[in-house]
Amino acid sequence: MKGSLNQSAHERATRMSLSNEAAEWFVRLRDDRLGTRNRERNVRWLKQSPTHIAELLRIQQVYQALRAAKVVNRSPRASGQEASNIIELEARREAEPPPFDLLLDEPARPRRPFQAWKIAAAVACLSVSFFMGFMAKVAWLDRTIETELGEWRTVSLTDGTRVRIAPDSKLKVAFGDDHRTIRLIHGEAMFDVAKDRTRPFYVESEMIGVLAVGTEFRVSRLGGKDVVAVTEGSVALYRDGRDAIRGAVAVAPAQLAEATGGVAVAAGEQVSTTRSSRARPVAKEKVNFDYEQAWSEGWLVYENKTVAEVASDFNRLNRMKIVITEPSIAARRLAFFRVSATDPESFVEALATVSDITIVRTVPNVLRIEPRRSVLAAPLPNAEIPESNRGGEVPPSVNPNPI
């Protein structure tokens, strides 16, 4: 018996504490001066348990119900009555009678008594409105951007940063008063960062983190390999697992990197990290600016790559898949190739200009590259890709001959 009483007292105390927290949040949320950081805290509090949402909604209902009734506080000095601690609730006054000329045109309507169900309906509507507002805040604070196969997107963030997102990519955006954080779940994205030293811009991938203030760089997270390529300005690269950097940055990211255990990466430099090389010293490479520029415009540019490597990228970016049945064709190298990343048909059509290759289409969204058995292998010179129907653009030539 004693145990049950103690448990009941504990439950009452827990409910009282939760009610106090919800009431405090209700008051704070009605303040227009509430900052982004506090709104983020409110979202985290609501996400902790459905009971938090239910209690905040209950506080909202009580508040609206009290507003629906009119509280009359009659001063005892004015009425000559004795002071009383009883507060009377008075029903709403009836509407003022219409002007006389309106009474002539329209018959008088019977006055209906105040109905309590109207309060309940109003509270229900306001509760739904409050809940939808809460969901909108969650969506704003925890925004997710995702692209499908074959879809390239350019998104402008609330701070003015522009993000170019490759197909089959997913990012989570979390902006606050002292930080701008993006988590790259998978895929590729190029960031043209709006300058704001009071809110550092940080991109987190699987094995690396990139800090910027105002610069341009690309981050890819594909198949256990993270790549950062800087085309403008400089960034600080981290591999210690930090998920955000908060607070104003007084110096350039390159200088900050030296003091905080990071690595400075300048324009024209690129860093690649895999799970096996994560513990090794950072090795910098030169950025292929032609590739980065083409990538930002939705094109693929290759030099001295095999047919299999190019086909693999097309398959990763598009719904239409390329299947190569002959290993000798897959191993052939392309001296130079440039084409729209969402147009795998142009790629296989260029290969088909070689006399010993044919393209077979027997299954929807599948392009099979097979050897032409009736013709001996005799590679042709450079073949021009037919003019594309994408705005009249004509991709440059491709040489499918082995090197």
Protein backbone atom coordinates (compact mmCIF):
# COMPACT_ATOMS: atom_id res chain seq x y z
CA MET A 1 0.00 0.00 0.00
CA LYS A 2 2.79 2.33 0.97
CA GLY A 3 4.61 1.53 -2.24
CA SER A 4 1.57 2.38 -4.35
CA LEU A 5 1.13 5.69 -2.52
CA ASN A 6 4.74 6.58 -3.13
CA GLN A 7 4.38 5.68 -6.79
CA SER A 8 1.23 7.78 -7.06
CA ALA A 9 2.98 10.74 -5.43
CA HIS A 10 5.92 10.32 -7.80
CA GLU A 11 3.59 10.30 -10.82
CA ARG A 12 1.85 13.45 -9.61
CA ALA A 13 5.20 15.16 -9.12
CA THR A 14 6.29 14.10 -12.61
CA ARG A 15 3.08 15.40 -14.16
CA MET A 16 3.40 18.67 -12.26
CA SER A 17 6.98 19.09 -13.44
CA LEU A 18 5.98 18.37 -17.04
CA SER A 19 3.07 20.79 -16.78
CA ASN A 20 5.36 23.52 -15.46
CA GLU A 21 7.83 22.94 -18.31
CA ALA A 22 5.05 23.05 -20.90
CA ALA A 23 3.62 26.25 -19.38
CA GLU A 24 7.05 27.85 -19.44
CA TRP A 25 7.54 26.93 -23.09
CA PHE A 26 4.04 28.21 -23.93
CA VAL A 27 4.86 31.63 -22.46
CA ARG A 28 8.24 31.77 -24.18
CA LEU A 29 6.86 30.75 -27.57
CA ARG A 30 4.43 33.68 -27.44
CA ASP A 31 7.36 36.08 -27.19
CA ASP A 32 8.31 37.47 -30.60
CA ARG A 33 11.87 38.01 -29.35
CA LEU A 34 12.48 34.27 -28.95
CA GLY A 35 15.66 33.46 -30.87
CA THR A 36 16.49 30.57 -33.17
CA ARG A 37 18.57 28.82 -30.51
CA ASN A 38 15.62 28.69 -28.10
CA ARG A 39 13.33 27.49 -30.86
CA GLU A 40 15.77 24.65 -31.53
CA ARG A 41 15.72 23.79 -27.82
CA ASN A 42 11.92 23.74 -27.91
CA VAL A 43 11.94 21.37 -30.86
CA ARG A 44 14.34 19.04 -29.08
CA TRP A 45 12.14 19.12 -25.95
CA LEU A 46 9.04 18.28 -27.97
CA LYS A 47 10.83 15.42 -29.72
CA GLN A 48 11.76 13.79 -26.43
CA SER A 49 8.27 12.37 -25.85
CA PRO A 50 4.71 12.55 -27.26
CA THR A 51 3.57 13.54 -23.76
CA HIS A 52 5.50 16.80 -24.15
CA ILE A 53 3.50 17.65 -27.27
CA ALA A 54 0.24 16.61 -25.61
CA GLU A 55 0.92 18.74 -22.52
CA LEU A 56 1.81 21.80 -24.56
CA LEU A 57 -1.40 21.38 -26.54
CA ARG A 58 -3.34 21.06 -23.27
CA ILE A 59 -1.87 24.34 -22.01
CA GLN A 60 -2.91 25.95 -25.29
CA GLN A 61 -6.47 24.64 -24.86
CA VAL A 62 -6.75 25.95 -21.31
CA TYR A 63 -5.46 29.34 -22.39
CA GLN A 64 -7.94 29.59 -25.24
CA ALA A 65 -10.83 28.44 -23.05
CA LEU A 66 -10.04 31.16 -20.50
CA ARG A 67 -9.89 33.75 -23.23
CA ALA A 68 -13.28 32.62 -24.51
CA ALA A 69 -14.88 33.52 -21.18
CA LYS A 70 -14.88 37.16 -20.09
CA VAL A 71 -13.45 37.78 -16.62
CA VAL A 72 -15.19 40.67 -14.83
CA ASN A 73 -13.27 42.20 -11.98
CA ARG A 74 -15.67 44.57 -10.23
CA SER A 75 -13.88 46.97 -7.95
CA PRO A 76 -15.48 47.03 -4.46
CA ARG A 77 -14.67 50.72 -4.09
CA ALA A 78 -16.76 51.60 -7.14
CA SER A 79 -19.79 49.53 -6.15
CA GLY A 80 -19.66 50.09 -2.40
CA GLN A 81 -19.66 46.36 -1.78
CA GLU A 82 -17.37 44.47 0.53
CA ALA A 83 -14.20 43.05 -0.92
CA SER A 84 -14.50 39.48 -2.16
CA ASN A 85 -12.04 36.93 -3.48
CA ILE A 86 -14.62 35.55 -5.92
CA ILE A 87 -14.06 36.36 -9.59
CA GLU A 88 -17.28 36.24 -11.57
CA LEU A 89 -17.41 34.89 -15.07
CA GLU A 90 -19.84 36.76 -17.28
CA ALA A 91 -21.11 35.49 -20.59
CA ARG A 92 -20.29 37.46 -23.70
CA ARG A 93 -22.51 40.44 -24.33
CA GLU A 94 -24.98 40.13 -27.15
CA ALA A 95 -24.11 41.97 -30.30
CA GLU A 96 -25.24 45.57 -30.59
CA PRO A 97 -28.63 45.91 -32.31
CA PRO A 98 -28.40 46.80 -35.99
CA PRO A 99 -29.26 50.30 -37.21
CA PHE A 100 -32.93 51.18 -37.70
CA ASP A 101 -32.73 51.19 -41.49
CA LEU A 102 -31.45 47.62 -41.47
CA LEU A 103 -34.36 46.55 -39.31
CA LEU A 104 -36.72 47.77 -41.99
CA ASP A 105 -35.13 45.59 -44.68
CA GLU A 106 -34.52 42.46 -42.67
CA PRO A 107 -36.78 40.74 -40.11
CA ALA A 108 -35.42 40.46 -36.61
CA ARG A 109 -33.63 37.20 -35.84
CA PRO A 110 -34.19 35.43 -32.54
CA ARG A 111 -31.22 35.67 -30.21
CA ARG A 112 -29.69 32.36 -29.32
CA PRO A 113 -28.16 31.66 -25.95
CA PHE A 114 -24.40 31.22 -25.73
CA GLN A 115 -23.43 27.63 -26.55
CA ALA A 116 -20.50 25.93 -24.88
CA TRP A 117 -19.82 23.76 -27.92
CA LYS A 118 -18.53 26.81 -29.77
CA ILE A 119 -15.70 27.09 -27.26
CA ALA A 120 -14.83 23.43 -27.74
CA ALA A 121 -14.83 23.82 -31.53
CA ALA A 122 -12.67 26.93 -31.32
CA VAL A 123 -10.22 25.20 -28.99
CA ALA A 124 -10.01 22.19 -31.32
CA CYS A 125 -9.30 24.42 -34.33
CA LEU A 126 -6.69 26.40 -32.44
CA SER A 127 -5.06 23.20 -31.21
CA VAL A 128 -4.78 21.90 -34.77
CA SER A 129 -3.40 25.25 -35.86
CA PHE A 130 -0.86 25.16 -33.03
CA PHE A 131 0.20 21.63 -33.93
CA MET A 132 0.58 22.53 -37.61
CA GLY A 133 2.67 25.53 -36.60
CA PHE A 134 4.86 23.26 -34.49
CA MET A 135 5.34 20.87 -37.41
CA ALA A 136 6.27 23.80 -39.63
CA LYS A 137 8.91 24.88 -37.12
CA VAL A 138 10.32 21.35 -37.00
CA ALA A 139 10.48 21.26 -40.80
CA TRP A 140 12.24 24.64 -40.86
CA LEU A 141 14.79 23.79 -38.18
CA ASP A 142 15.45 20.22 -39.38
CA ARG A 143 15.20 20.59 -43.13
CA THR A 144 16.03 17.65 -45.38
CA ILE A 145 16.90 18.09 -49.06
CA GLU A 146 16.85 15.00 -51.25
CA THR A 147 17.18 14.35 -54.97
CA GLU A 148 16.12 11.35 -57.02
CA LEU A 149 17.96 9.54 -59.78
CA GLY A 150 18.36 11.80 -62.80
CA GLU A 151 17.47 14.93 -60.80
CA TRP A 152 19.85 17.87 -60.41
CA ARG A 153 18.77 20.64 -58.05
CA THR A 154 20.03 24.09 -57.15
CA VAL A 155 18.78 25.30 -53.76
CA SER A 156 19.15 28.72 -52.12
CA LEU A 157 19.37 28.44 -48.34
CA THR A 158 18.01 31.04 -45.92
CA ASP A 159 21.46 32.61 -45.43
CA GLY A 160 21.97 33.15 -49.17
CA THR A 161 24.18 30.09 -49.72
CA ARG A 162 23.58 28.30 -53.02
CA VAL A 163 23.83 24.51 -53.13
CA ARG A 164 24.11 22.48 -56.33
CA ILE A 165 22.97 18.92 -55.57
CA ALA A 166 23.70 15.87 -57.71
CA PRO A 167 21.18 13.07 -58.34
CA ASP A 168 20.52 10.51 -55.59
CA SER A 169 21.80 12.78 -52.81
CA LYS A 170 20.49 13.61 -49.37
CA LEU A 171 21.38 16.48 -47.03
CA LYS A 172 20.12 17.60 -43.62
CA VAL A 173 20.26 21.34 -42.90
CA ALA A 174 20.38 22.77 -39.36
CA PHE A 175 20.85 26.53 -39.01
CA GLY A 176 21.01 28.38 -35.69
CA ASP A 177 22.01 31.72 -34.23
CA ASP A 178 25.68 30.71 -34.02
CA HIS A 179 26.12 28.01 -36.65
CA ARG A 180 25.20 26.75 -40.10
CA THR A 181 25.52 22.98 -40.24
CA ILE A 182 24.83 20.58 -43.10
CA ARG A 183 25.14 16.82 -42.90
CA LEU A 184 25.73 15.03 -46.20
CA ILE A 185 24.02 11.66 -45.78
CA HIS A 186 25.02 10.42 -49.24
CA GLY A 187 25.70 11.78 -52.70
CA GLU A 188 27.41 14.97 -53.87
CA ALA A 189 26.86 18.71 -53.47
CA MET A 190 28.68 21.92 -54.33
CA PHE A 191 28.39 24.84 -51.91
CA ASP A 192 28.72 28.52 -52.80
CA VAL A 193 28.77 29.77 -49.20
CA ALA A 194 27.43 33.19 -48.20
CA LYS A 195 29.97 34.98 -45.99
CA ASP A 196 29.03 35.21 -42.32
CA ARG A 197 31.81 35.03 -39.73
CA THR A 198 29.33 35.02 -36.84
CA ARG A 199 27.85 31.72 -38.06
CA PRO A 200 30.48 29.34 -39.44
CA PHE A 201 29.37 27.05 -42.25
CA TYR A 202 30.17 23.40 -41.54
CA VAL A 203 29.55 20.37 -43.77
CA GLU A 204 29.78 16.95 -42.14
CA SER A 205 30.25 13.80 -44.19
CA GLU A 206 31.05 10.25 -43.10
CA MET A 207 34.78 10.69 -42.43
CA ILE A 208 35.44 14.39 -42.82
CA GLY A 209 34.11 17.79 -41.79
CA VAL A 210 34.61 21.02 -43.73
CA LEU A 211 34.54 24.49 -42.14
CA ALA A 212 34.02 27.54 -44.33
CA VAL A 213 33.03 31.17 -43.86
CA GLY A 214 32.47 32.26 -47.46
CA THR A 215 33.90 30.13 -50.25
CA GLU A 216 33.05 27.52 -52.89
CA PHE A 217 33.76 23.82 -52.60
CA ARG A 218 32.32 20.41 -53.48
CA VAL A 219 31.85 17.47 -51.13
CA SER A 220 31.07 13.91 -52.23
CA ARG A 221 30.24 10.86 -50.14
CA LEU A 222 30.17 7.83 -52.38
CA GLY A 223 31.00 4.18 -51.80
CA GLY A 224 33.10 4.62 -48.67
CA LYS A 225 35.07 7.53 -50.08
CA ASP A 226 34.80 11.20 -49.12
CA VAL A 227 36.16 13.89 -51.42
CA VAL A 228 36.52 17.64 -50.84
CA ALA A 229 37.47 19.86 -53.78
CA VAL A 230 37.96 23.61 -53.17
CA THR A 231 37.50 25.90 -56.17
CA GLU A 232 37.42 29.28 -54.40
CA GLY A 233 38.75 30.58 -51.07
CA SER A 234 39.93 28.17 -48.39
CA VAL A 235 38.43 25.73 -45.88
CA ALA A 236 39.48 23.88 -42.75
CA LEU A 237 39.29 20.10 -43.02
CA TYR A 238 38.68 17.93 -39.94
CA ARG A 239 38.75 14.17 -39.51
CA ASP A 240 38.13 13.98 -35.75
CA GLY A 241 34.40 13.29 -35.92
CA ARG A 242 33.13 16.70 -34.79
CA ASP A 243 29.58 17.32 -36.00
CA ALA A 244 29.41 21.13 -35.84
CA ILE A 245 31.38 24.30 -35.10
CA ARG A 246 29.60 27.06 -33.22
CA GLY A 247 30.44 30.65 -32.50
CA ALA A 248 32.06 33.47 -34.42
CA VAL A 249 35.20 32.76 -36.44
CA ALA A 250 37.60 35.68 -36.13
CA VAL A 251 40.25 34.37 -38.55
CA ALA A 252 40.26 32.64 -41.91
CA PRO A 253 39.43 28.90 -41.82
CA ALA A 254 42.95 28.09 -43.02
CA GLN A 255 44.44 29.85 -39.98
CA LEU A 256 41.86 28.33 -37.67
CA ALA A 257 42.71 24.85 -38.92
CA GLU A 258 46.29 25.11 -37.68
CA ALA A 259 45.14 26.05 -34.17
CA THR A 260 42.32 23.50 -33.88
CA GLY A 261 43.83 20.30 -35.25
CA GLY A 262 42.51 20.65 -38.78
CA VAL A 263 44.10 20.84 -42.20
CA ALA A 264 43.93 23.93 -44.40
CA VAL A 265 42.77 23.26 -47.97
CA ALA A 266 43.09 26.15 -50.43
CA ALA A 267 41.54 26.84 -53.81
CA GLY A 268 42.80 24.38 -56.40
CA GLU A 269 43.37 21.61 -53.84
CA GLN A 270 41.47 18.39 -53.30
CA VAL A 271 41.51 15.80 -50.51
CA SER A 272 40.20 12.22 -50.68
CA THR A 273 39.64 10.02 -47.64
CA THR A 274 38.60 6.38 -47.35
CA ARG A 275 37.95 4.22 -44.30
CA SER A 276 41.34 2.56 -44.70
CA SER A 277 43.26 5.84 -45.18
CA ARG A 278 41.46 7.83 -42.49
CA ALA A 279 44.29 7.50 -40.00
CA ARG A 280 47.02 8.42 -42.49
CA PRO A 281 48.29 11.98 -43.05
CA VAL A 282 46.16 14.07 -45.39
CA ALA A 283 47.36 13.92 -49.00
CA LYS A 284 46.41 16.88 -51.19
CA GLU A 285 45.85 16.68 -54.93
CA LYS A 286 45.28 19.26 -57.64
CA VAL A 287 41.70 20.10 -58.53
CA ASN A 288 40.59 19.51 -62.11
CA PHE A 289 38.85 22.86 -62.65
CA ASP A 290 37.41 21.72 -65.99
CA TYR A 291 35.75 18.79 -64.24
CA GLU A 292 34.43 20.95 -61.37
CA GLN A 293 33.01 23.55 -63.74
CA ALA A 294 31.40 20.88 -65.87
CA TRP A 295 30.02 19.13 -62.77
CA SER A 296 28.37 22.33 -61.55
CA GLU A 297 26.60 22.56 -64.91
CA GLY A 298 25.49 18.92 -64.91
CA TRP A 299 28.12 17.51 -67.28
CA LEU A 300 30.59 14.67 -67.00
CA VAL A 301 34.18 15.15 -68.21
CA TYR A 302 36.66 12.26 -68.40
CA GLU A 303 40.18 11.84 -69.65
CA ASN A 304 41.86 8.45 -69.98
CA LYS A 305 39.03 6.59 -68.21
CA THR A 306 37.69 3.15 -69.05
CA VAL A 307 34.25 2.57 -70.52
CA ALA A 308 33.34 0.68 -67.35
CA GLU A 309 34.26 3.65 -65.12
CA VAL A 310 32.13 6.07 -67.13
CA ALA A 311 29.23 3.63 -67.32
CA SER A 312 29.39 3.18 -63.55
CA ASP A 313 28.94 6.93 -63.00
CA PHE A 314 26.02 7.06 -65.42
CA ASN A 315 24.36 4.15 -63.61
CA ARG A 316 24.82 5.88 -60.26
CA LEU A 317 23.16 9.08 -61.46
CA ASN A 318 20.34 7.83 -63.68
CA ARG A 319 17.41 5.44 -63.79
CA MET A 320 18.52 4.14 -67.17
CA LYS A 321 21.31 1.61 -66.66
CA ILE A 322 24.20 0.63 -68.93
CA VAL A 323 25.15 -3.05 -69.08
CA ILE A 324 28.43 -4.11 -70.72
CA THR A 325 28.55 -7.79 -71.60
CA GLU A 326 32.06 -7.93 -73.06
CA PRO A 327 35.03 -7.37 -70.67
CA SER A 328 37.26 -6.21 -73.51
CA ILE A 329 34.83 -3.37 -74.26
CA ALA A 330 34.55 -2.44 -70.59
CA ALA A 331 38.35 -2.17 -70.36
CA ARG A 332 38.72 0.20 -73.32
CA ARG A 333 39.92 3.68 -72.42
CA LEU A 334 38.43 6.96 -73.54
CA ALA A 335 40.96 9.61 -74.49
CA PHE A 336 38.40 12.37 -73.81
CA PHE A 337 34.72 12.41 -73.13
CA ARG A 338 32.19 15.10 -72.15
CA VAL A 339 28.43 14.73 -72.10
CA SER A 340 25.37 15.59 -70.04
CA ALA A 341 25.31 13.56 -66.82
CA THR A 342 21.62 12.79 -67.35
CA ASP A 343 22.02 11.56 -70.94
CA PRO A 344 23.51 8.04 -70.93
CA GLU A 345 22.08 7.40 -74.40
CA SER A 346 24.52 9.88 -75.92
CA PHE A 347 27.36 7.93 -74.36
CA VAL A 348 26.31 4.55 -75.76
CA GLU A 349 25.47 6.08 -79.14
CA ALA A 350 28.99 7.45 -79.34
CA LEU A 351 30.38 4.01 -78.55
CA ALA A 352 28.14 2.50 -81.21
CA THR A 353 29.95 4.51 -83.90
CA VAL A 354 32.74 1.95 -83.53
CA SER A 355 32.18 -0.88 -86.00
CA ASP A 356 32.57 -3.74 -83.50
CA ILE A 357 30.03 -2.43 -80.93
CA THR A 358 26.25 -2.58 -81.03
CA ILE A 359 23.56 -1.37 -78.62
CA VAL A 360 20.71 -3.71 -77.68
CA ARG A 361 17.45 -2.43 -76.11
CA THR A 362 15.33 -5.35 -75.00
CA VAL A 363 14.39 -4.20 -71.50
CA PRO A 364 13.04 -0.75 -70.54
CA ASN A 365 15.65 1.55 -68.97
CA VAL A 366 18.50 -0.82 -69.87
CA LEU A 367 21.12 -0.18 -72.57
CA ARG A 368 23.19 -3.26 -73.34
CA ILE A 369 26.59 -2.74 -74.98
CA GLU A 370 27.53 -5.89 -76.88
CA PRO A 371 30.19 -6.82 -79.47
CA ARG A 372 29.04 -6.94 -83.06
CA ARG A 373 29.89 -10.54 -83.97
CA SER A 374 29.63 -10.12 -87.73
CA VAL A 375 32.33 -7.47 -87.87
CA LEU A 376 35.96 -7.85 -86.93
CA ALA A 377 37.24 -5.49 -84.28
CA ALA A 378 38.34 -2.44 -86.21
CA PRO A 379 38.08 0.78 -84.19
CA LEU A 380 37.16 3.92 -86.10
CA PRO A 381 38.67 7.38 -85.66
CA ASN A 382 37.16 9.94 -83.29
CA ALA A 383 33.37 9.88 -83.47
CA GLU A 384 31.22 12.95 -82.96
CA ILE A 385 28.22 12.59 -80.64
CA PRO A 386 25.02 13.59 -82.49
CA GLU A 387 23.63 17.01 -81.60
CA SER A 388 21.72 16.78 -78.34
CA ASN A 389 18.11 17.89 -78.07
CA ARG A 390 18.95 19.61 -74.75
CA GLY A 391 18.94 23.23 -75.82
CA GLY A 392 20.90 22.53 -78.98
CA GLU A 393 24.11 21.76 -77.09
CA VAL A 394 26.68 19.69 -78.92
CA PRO A 395 29.05 17.76 -76.64
CA PRO A 396 32.65 17.43 -77.82
CA SER A 397 34.05 14.34 -79.46
CA VAL A 398 34.87 11.03 -77.83
CA ASN A 399 37.56 8.64 -78.80
CA PRO A 400 36.51 5.12 -77.72
CA ASN A 401 39.73 3.56 -78.96
CA PRO A 402 42.10 1.87 -76.48
CA ILE A 403 45.21 3.85 -75.63
